């Protein structure tokens, strides 16, 4: 699968370390070879805890290949920040979509499916399906 036409994935967390770790995990579990473009947008520009519309918009632009951008968030204000960016209409690439999915499991499912060539609807479906993963 060429990253030229892949759905991009943005992982938004209140913590830079968490966003980067989930990105590393998702890419690692996607297997060898070429993976879909993934960017972490965690914390604030000064390295603190929080969310940053600047970091999110930059990450989305970085992974945009024209096939859509799937945005997964951890909680609270991350959701609100992404919704605000989507409402503004010009901050995120066309085709950017906030996914209602668990952060870690959804990220893995999204990266695996995007890396296999899935379109944005299929990437979203895979990430959302992660809500049903049972652990016991």
N, C-alpha and C. Protein backbone atom coordinates (compact mmCIF):
# COMPACT_ATOMS: atom_id res chain seq x y z
N UNK A 1 0.85 -1.19 0.00
CA UNK A 1 0.00 0.00 0.00
C UNK A 1 0.88 1.23 0.00
N UNK A 2 0.67 2.10 -0.88
CA UNK A 2 1.43 3.35 -0.94
C UNK A 2 0.86 4.36 0.04
N UNK A 3 1.76 5.04 0.77
CA UNK A 3 1.29 6.09 1.67
C UNK A 3 0.82 7.30 0.89
N UNK A 4 1.01 7.29 -0.43
CA UNK A 4 0.56 8.40 -1.27
C UNK A 4 -0.96 8.52 -1.26
N UNK A 5 -1.66 7.41 -1.10
CA UNK A 5 -3.12 7.43 -1.16
C UNK A 5 -3.77 6.91 0.12
N UNK A 6 -3.03 6.80 1.18
CA UNK A 6 -3.56 6.28 2.43
C UNK A 6 -4.35 7.32 3.20
N UNK A 7 -5.31 6.83 3.97
CA UNK A 7 -5.96 7.66 4.97
C UNK A 7 -4.91 7.99 6.02
N UNK A 8 -4.84 9.24 6.40
CA UNK A 8 -3.92 9.65 7.46
C UNK A 8 -4.58 9.50 8.81
N UNK A 9 -3.78 9.28 9.83
CA UNK A 9 -4.28 9.09 11.19
C UNK A 9 -3.62 10.12 12.11
N UNK A 10 -4.44 10.84 12.88
CA UNK A 10 -3.94 11.78 13.88
C UNK A 10 -4.42 11.31 15.25
N UNK A 11 -3.49 11.22 16.19
CA UNK A 11 -3.80 10.78 17.54
C UNK A 11 -3.62 11.95 18.49
N UNK A 12 -4.73 12.38 19.10
CA UNK A 12 -4.75 13.56 19.95
C UNK A 12 -4.91 13.14 21.41
N UNK A 13 -3.93 13.49 22.22
CA UNK A 13 -3.99 13.22 23.64
C UNK A 13 -3.63 14.49 24.41
N UNK A 14 -3.99 14.51 25.67
CA UNK A 14 -3.61 15.62 26.54
C UNK A 14 -2.11 15.56 26.88
N UNK A 15 -1.48 14.47 26.56
CA UNK A 15 -0.07 14.25 26.87
C UNK A 15 0.71 13.92 25.60
N UNK A 16 1.78 14.65 25.37
CA UNK A 16 2.63 14.37 24.21
C UNK A 16 3.16 12.94 24.29
N UNK A 17 3.60 12.52 25.48
CA UNK A 17 4.17 11.18 25.65
C UNK A 17 3.13 10.10 25.32
N UNK A 18 1.90 10.29 25.77
CA UNK A 18 0.85 9.30 25.50
C UNK A 18 0.56 9.24 24.00
N UNK A 19 0.38 10.38 23.36
CA UNK A 19 0.08 10.40 21.92
C UNK A 19 1.20 9.73 21.13
N UNK A 20 2.45 10.03 21.47
CA UNK A 20 3.58 9.43 20.76
C UNK A 20 3.68 7.93 21.02
N UNK A 21 3.41 7.51 22.25
CA UNK A 21 3.48 6.09 22.58
C UNK A 21 2.39 5.30 21.86
N UNK A 22 1.17 5.85 21.81
CA UNK A 22 0.09 5.15 21.12
C UNK A 22 0.39 5.09 19.62
N UNK A 23 0.94 6.15 19.06
CA UNK A 23 1.33 6.14 17.65
C UNK A 23 2.38 5.06 17.39
N UNK A 24 3.37 4.98 18.26
CA UNK A 24 4.43 3.97 18.11
C UNK A 24 3.85 2.56 18.21
N UNK A 25 2.96 2.35 19.17
CA UNK A 25 2.32 1.04 19.34
C UNK A 25 1.50 0.67 18.11
N UNK A 26 0.68 1.60 17.64
CA UNK A 26 -0.19 1.31 16.49
C UNK A 26 0.63 0.99 15.24
N UNK A 27 1.65 1.77 14.99
CA UNK A 27 2.50 1.52 13.82
C UNK A 27 3.22 0.18 13.98
N UNK A 28 3.72 -0.10 15.17
CA UNK A 28 4.42 -1.36 15.42
C UNK A 28 3.52 -2.57 15.23
N UNK A 29 2.27 -2.44 15.66
CA UNK A 29 1.34 -3.57 15.54
C UNK A 29 0.74 -3.69 14.14
N UNK A 30 0.94 -2.68 13.31
CA UNK A 30 0.43 -2.74 11.94
C UNK A 30 1.28 -3.66 11.08
N UNK A 31 2.38 -4.14 11.62
CA UNK A 31 3.20 -5.09 10.90
C UNK A 31 4.31 -4.41 10.12
N UNK A 32 5.06 -5.20 9.46
CA UNK A 32 6.18 -4.68 8.68
C UNK A 32 5.70 -3.97 7.44
N UNK A 33 6.64 -3.41 6.75
CA UNK A 33 6.32 -2.73 5.50
C UNK A 33 5.86 -1.31 5.71
N UNK A 34 5.22 -0.78 4.71
CA UNK A 34 4.79 0.60 4.72
C UNK A 34 3.47 0.72 5.47
N UNK A 35 3.41 1.69 6.37
CA UNK A 35 2.16 1.93 7.07
C UNK A 35 1.58 3.27 6.65
N UNK A 36 0.31 3.43 6.93
CA UNK A 36 -0.36 4.70 6.68
C UNK A 36 0.34 5.79 7.48
N UNK A 37 0.25 7.03 7.02
CA UNK A 37 0.88 8.12 7.77
C UNK A 37 0.15 8.36 9.10
N UNK A 38 0.93 8.46 10.17
CA UNK A 38 0.40 8.64 11.51
C UNK A 38 1.15 9.79 12.17
N UNK A 39 0.41 10.66 12.86
CA UNK A 39 1.05 11.76 13.59
C UNK A 39 0.41 11.89 14.96
N UNK A 40 1.24 12.17 15.93
CA UNK A 40 0.79 12.40 17.29
C UNK A 40 0.66 13.91 17.51
N UNK A 41 -0.43 14.29 18.15
CA UNK A 41 -0.66 15.70 18.51
C UNK A 41 -1.01 15.72 19.98
N UNK A 42 0.00 15.67 20.82
CA UNK A 42 -0.24 15.58 22.25
C UNK A 42 0.26 16.78 23.01
N UNK A 43 -0.50 17.15 24.02
CA UNK A 43 -0.09 18.22 24.91
C UNK A 43 -0.18 19.59 24.27
N UNK A 44 0.51 20.51 24.90
CA UNK A 44 0.54 21.89 24.45
C UNK A 44 1.88 22.19 23.79
N UNK A 45 1.98 23.27 23.04
CA UNK A 45 3.25 23.58 22.36
C UNK A 45 4.44 23.72 23.31
N UNK A 46 4.18 24.11 24.55
CA UNK A 46 5.29 24.25 25.51
C UNK A 46 5.58 22.95 26.27
N UNK A 47 4.93 21.85 25.88
CA UNK A 47 5.19 20.56 26.48
C UNK A 47 4.31 20.21 27.66
N UNK A 48 3.36 21.08 28.00
CA UNK A 48 2.47 20.81 29.12
C UNK A 48 1.32 19.91 28.75
N UNK A 49 0.51 19.61 29.74
CA UNK A 49 -0.69 18.81 29.52
C UNK A 49 -1.79 19.70 28.97
N UNK A 50 -2.56 19.18 28.03
CA UNK A 50 -3.65 19.93 27.43
C UNK A 50 -3.77 19.56 25.97
N UNK A 51 -4.53 20.34 25.24
CA UNK A 51 -4.66 20.12 23.80
C UNK A 51 -4.38 21.43 23.08
N UNK A 52 -3.91 21.32 21.86
CA UNK A 52 -3.52 22.49 21.08
C UNK A 52 -4.09 22.39 19.68
N UNK A 53 -4.91 23.36 19.32
CA UNK A 53 -5.45 23.36 17.95
C UNK A 53 -4.32 23.49 16.94
N UNK A 54 -3.27 24.21 17.27
CA UNK A 54 -2.12 24.35 16.37
C UNK A 54 -1.47 22.99 16.11
N UNK A 55 -1.21 22.24 17.16
CA UNK A 55 -0.57 20.93 17.00
C UNK A 55 -1.47 19.96 16.24
N UNK A 56 -2.76 20.01 16.51
CA UNK A 56 -3.70 19.11 15.83
C UNK A 56 -3.77 19.45 14.34
N UNK A 57 -3.91 20.73 14.02
CA UNK A 57 -3.97 21.14 12.62
C UNK A 57 -2.67 20.80 11.89
N UNK A 58 -1.54 21.00 12.54
CA UNK A 58 -0.26 20.66 11.93
C UNK A 58 -0.10 19.18 11.68
N UNK A 59 -0.54 18.37 12.65
CA UNK A 59 -0.46 16.91 12.48
C UNK A 59 -1.37 16.45 11.34
N UNK A 60 -2.56 17.03 11.26
CA UNK A 60 -3.49 16.65 10.19
C UNK A 60 -2.93 17.01 8.82
N UNK A 61 -2.33 18.18 8.71
CA UNK A 61 -1.71 18.57 7.44
C UNK A 61 -0.56 17.64 7.08
N UNK A 62 0.18 17.22 8.09
CA UNK A 62 1.34 16.33 7.88
C UNK A 62 0.94 14.98 7.31
N UNK A 63 -0.20 14.43 7.74
CA UNK A 63 -0.60 13.08 7.31
C UNK A 63 -1.58 13.08 6.15
N UNK A 64 -2.04 14.24 5.73
CA UNK A 64 -3.04 14.32 4.66
C UNK A 64 -2.44 13.91 3.32
N UNK A 65 -3.01 12.87 2.73
CA UNK A 65 -2.59 12.41 1.41
C UNK A 65 -3.75 12.48 0.41
N UNK A 66 -4.84 13.15 0.83
CA UNK A 66 -5.98 13.32 -0.05
C UNK A 66 -7.04 12.25 0.07
N UNK A 67 -6.82 11.24 0.92
CA UNK A 67 -7.79 10.16 1.10
C UNK A 67 -8.59 10.32 2.39
N UNK A 68 -8.39 11.42 3.07
CA UNK A 68 -9.07 11.67 4.34
C UNK A 68 -8.12 11.53 5.51
N UNK A 69 -8.53 12.13 6.62
CA UNK A 69 -7.74 12.08 7.84
C UNK A 69 -8.66 11.65 8.98
N UNK A 70 -8.31 10.56 9.63
CA UNK A 70 -9.05 10.07 10.78
C UNK A 70 -8.39 10.61 12.04
N UNK A 71 -9.19 11.25 12.88
CA UNK A 71 -8.67 11.85 14.11
C UNK A 71 -9.27 11.09 15.29
N UNK A 72 -8.38 10.53 16.12
CA UNK A 72 -8.80 9.85 17.34
C UNK A 72 -8.31 10.65 18.53
N UNK A 73 -9.15 10.75 19.55
CA UNK A 73 -8.83 11.58 20.71
C UNK A 73 -8.95 10.78 22.00
N UNK A 74 -8.26 11.28 23.04
CA UNK A 74 -8.35 10.56 24.30
C UNK A 74 -9.58 10.96 25.10
N UNK A 75 -9.79 12.22 25.44
CA UNK A 75 -10.93 12.58 26.27
C UNK A 75 -11.19 14.08 26.29
N UNK A 76 -12.32 14.43 26.88
CA UNK A 76 -12.70 15.79 27.21
C UNK A 76 -12.39 16.88 26.22
N UNK A 77 -11.47 17.75 26.60
CA UNK A 77 -11.20 18.92 25.77
C UNK A 77 -10.57 18.57 24.43
N UNK A 78 -9.99 17.39 24.31
CA UNK A 78 -9.48 16.97 23.00
C UNK A 78 -10.64 16.83 22.01
N UNK A 79 -11.73 16.28 22.49
CA UNK A 79 -12.93 16.14 21.66
C UNK A 79 -13.43 17.53 21.26
N UNK A 80 -13.54 18.40 22.24
CA UNK A 80 -14.04 19.75 21.97
C UNK A 80 -13.14 20.53 21.03
N UNK A 81 -11.83 20.38 21.19
CA UNK A 81 -10.89 21.09 20.32
C UNK A 81 -11.02 20.62 18.88
N UNK A 82 -11.11 19.31 18.67
CA UNK A 82 -11.24 18.79 17.31
C UNK A 82 -12.59 19.19 16.71
N UNK A 83 -13.66 19.11 17.50
CA UNK A 83 -14.97 19.53 17.00
C UNK A 83 -14.95 21.00 16.59
N UNK A 84 -14.27 21.82 17.36
CA UNK A 84 -14.16 23.24 17.03
C UNK A 84 -13.40 23.44 15.73
N UNK A 85 -12.31 22.72 15.55
CA UNK A 85 -11.53 22.82 14.31
C UNK A 85 -12.36 22.37 13.11
N UNK A 86 -13.13 21.32 13.27
CA UNK A 86 -13.98 20.84 12.18
C UNK A 86 -15.07 21.86 11.86
N UNK A 87 -15.62 22.49 12.88
CA UNK A 87 -16.68 23.48 12.68
C UNK A 87 -16.16 24.72 11.95
N UNK A 88 -14.90 25.09 12.22
CA UNK A 88 -14.32 26.25 11.55
C UNK A 88 -14.19 26.01 10.06
N UNK A 89 -13.96 24.76 9.69
CA UNK A 89 -13.98 24.38 8.29
C UNK A 89 -12.72 24.60 7.49
N UNK A 90 -11.79 25.40 7.98
CA UNK A 90 -10.59 25.65 7.17
C UNK A 90 -9.29 25.31 7.91
N UNK A 91 -9.40 24.77 9.11
CA UNK A 91 -8.21 24.46 9.89
C UNK A 91 -7.69 23.04 9.63
N UNK A 92 -8.60 22.13 9.31
CA UNK A 92 -8.22 20.74 9.05
C UNK A 92 -8.42 20.44 7.57
N UNK A 93 -7.68 19.48 7.04
CA UNK A 93 -7.84 19.13 5.62
C UNK A 93 -9.25 18.67 5.30
N UNK A 94 -9.65 18.88 4.07
CA UNK A 94 -10.94 18.37 3.62
C UNK A 94 -10.94 16.86 3.81
N UNK A 95 -12.03 16.35 4.33
CA UNK A 95 -12.10 14.91 4.56
C UNK A 95 -11.61 14.50 5.94
N UNK A 96 -11.27 15.46 6.80
CA UNK A 96 -10.89 15.11 8.17
C UNK A 96 -12.13 14.72 8.94
N UNK A 97 -12.00 13.71 9.79
CA UNK A 97 -13.16 13.19 10.51
C UNK A 97 -12.75 12.78 11.92
N UNK A 98 -13.52 13.23 12.90
CA UNK A 98 -13.35 12.80 14.28
C UNK A 98 -14.03 11.44 14.43
N UNK A 99 -13.28 10.45 14.92
CA UNK A 99 -13.83 9.11 15.09
C UNK A 99 -14.23 8.88 16.54
N UNK A 100 -15.40 8.33 16.75
CA UNK A 100 -15.86 7.95 18.08
C UNK A 100 -15.39 6.53 18.33
N UNK A 101 -14.17 6.42 18.86
CA UNK A 101 -13.53 5.12 19.04
C UNK A 101 -12.64 5.16 20.26
N UNK A 102 -12.37 4.00 20.87
CA UNK A 102 -11.43 3.98 21.99
C UNK A 102 -10.04 4.40 21.50
N UNK A 103 -9.32 5.11 22.34
CA UNK A 103 -8.07 5.72 21.88
C UNK A 103 -7.01 4.69 21.47
N UNK A 104 -6.67 3.77 22.34
CA UNK A 104 -5.58 2.84 22.03
C UNK A 104 -6.03 1.77 21.03
N UNK A 105 -7.08 1.04 21.36
CA UNK A 105 -7.54 -0.02 20.47
C UNK A 105 -8.01 0.53 19.14
N UNK A 106 -8.69 1.67 19.17
CA UNK A 106 -9.15 2.31 17.95
C UNK A 106 -8.00 2.76 17.07
N UNK A 107 -6.95 3.28 17.71
CA UNK A 107 -5.78 3.72 16.95
C UNK A 107 -5.13 2.55 16.23
N UNK A 108 -4.98 1.44 16.94
CA UNK A 108 -4.38 0.26 16.31
C UNK A 108 -5.23 -0.20 15.13
N UNK A 109 -6.54 -0.31 15.35
CA UNK A 109 -7.43 -0.75 14.27
C UNK A 109 -7.40 0.21 13.09
N UNK A 110 -7.38 1.51 13.37
CA UNK A 110 -7.36 2.50 12.30
C UNK A 110 -6.07 2.42 11.49
N UNK A 111 -4.94 2.32 12.17
CA UNK A 111 -3.66 2.27 11.46
C UNK A 111 -3.54 0.98 10.65
N UNK A 112 -3.96 -0.13 11.24
CA UNK A 112 -3.88 -1.41 10.51
C UNK A 112 -4.76 -1.35 9.25
N UNK A 113 -5.99 -0.88 9.40
CA UNK A 113 -6.89 -0.86 8.23
C UNK A 113 -6.45 0.16 7.20
N UNK A 114 -6.01 1.33 7.63
CA UNK A 114 -5.53 2.34 6.66
C UNK A 114 -4.29 1.83 5.94
N UNK A 115 -3.42 1.14 6.66
CA UNK A 115 -2.20 0.60 6.04
C UNK A 115 -2.51 -0.48 5.03
N UNK A 116 -3.65 -1.16 5.20
CA UNK A 116 -4.07 -2.20 4.26
C UNK A 116 -4.81 -1.62 3.05
N UNK A 117 -4.99 -0.29 3.05
CA UNK A 117 -5.61 0.36 1.90
C UNK A 117 -7.07 0.71 2.06
N UNK A 118 -7.60 0.57 3.27
CA UNK A 118 -9.01 0.88 3.51
C UNK A 118 -9.28 2.37 3.29
N UNK A 119 -10.51 2.67 2.84
CA UNK A 119 -10.91 4.07 2.70
C UNK A 119 -11.34 4.60 4.08
N UNK A 120 -11.66 5.89 4.14
CA UNK A 120 -11.96 6.52 5.42
C UNK A 120 -13.16 5.89 6.12
N UNK A 121 -14.19 5.52 5.38
CA UNK A 121 -15.35 4.87 6.00
C UNK A 121 -14.96 3.54 6.64
N UNK A 122 -14.13 2.76 5.97
CA UNK A 122 -13.71 1.46 6.50
C UNK A 122 -12.75 1.64 7.68
N UNK A 123 -11.89 2.65 7.63
CA UNK A 123 -11.00 2.94 8.75
C UNK A 123 -11.84 3.31 9.97
N UNK A 124 -12.86 4.15 9.76
CA UNK A 124 -13.74 4.52 10.86
C UNK A 124 -14.45 3.30 11.42
N UNK A 125 -14.98 2.45 10.56
CA UNK A 125 -15.69 1.25 11.01
C UNK A 125 -14.78 0.35 11.84
N UNK A 126 -13.55 0.18 11.41
CA UNK A 126 -12.61 -0.66 12.16
C UNK A 126 -12.31 -0.06 13.53
N UNK A 127 -12.11 1.25 13.57
CA UNK A 127 -11.81 1.91 14.85
C UNK A 127 -13.00 1.84 15.79
N UNK A 128 -14.19 2.08 15.29
CA UNK A 128 -15.40 2.04 16.11
C UNK A 128 -15.65 0.63 16.63
N UNK A 129 -15.40 -0.36 15.78
CA UNK A 129 -15.58 -1.76 16.18
C UNK A 129 -14.72 -2.12 17.39
N UNK A 130 -13.64 -1.39 17.60
CA UNK A 130 -12.77 -1.67 18.74
C UNK A 130 -13.49 -1.50 20.08
N UNK A 131 -14.60 -0.77 20.11
CA UNK A 131 -15.39 -0.68 21.33
C UNK A 131 -15.88 -2.05 21.78
N UNK A 132 -16.06 -2.97 20.85
CA UNK A 132 -16.60 -4.28 21.20
C UNK A 132 -15.54 -5.28 21.63
N UNK A 133 -14.26 -4.93 21.59
CA UNK A 133 -13.21 -5.86 21.99
C UNK A 133 -13.34 -6.16 23.49
N UNK A 134 -13.53 -7.41 23.80
CA UNK A 134 -13.68 -7.83 25.19
C UNK A 134 -12.35 -8.31 25.73
N UNK A 135 -12.11 -8.04 27.00
CA UNK A 135 -10.85 -8.45 27.62
C UNK A 135 -11.05 -9.58 28.63
N UNK A 136 -12.29 -9.77 29.03
CA UNK A 136 -12.57 -10.90 29.95
C UNK A 136 -13.88 -11.55 29.55
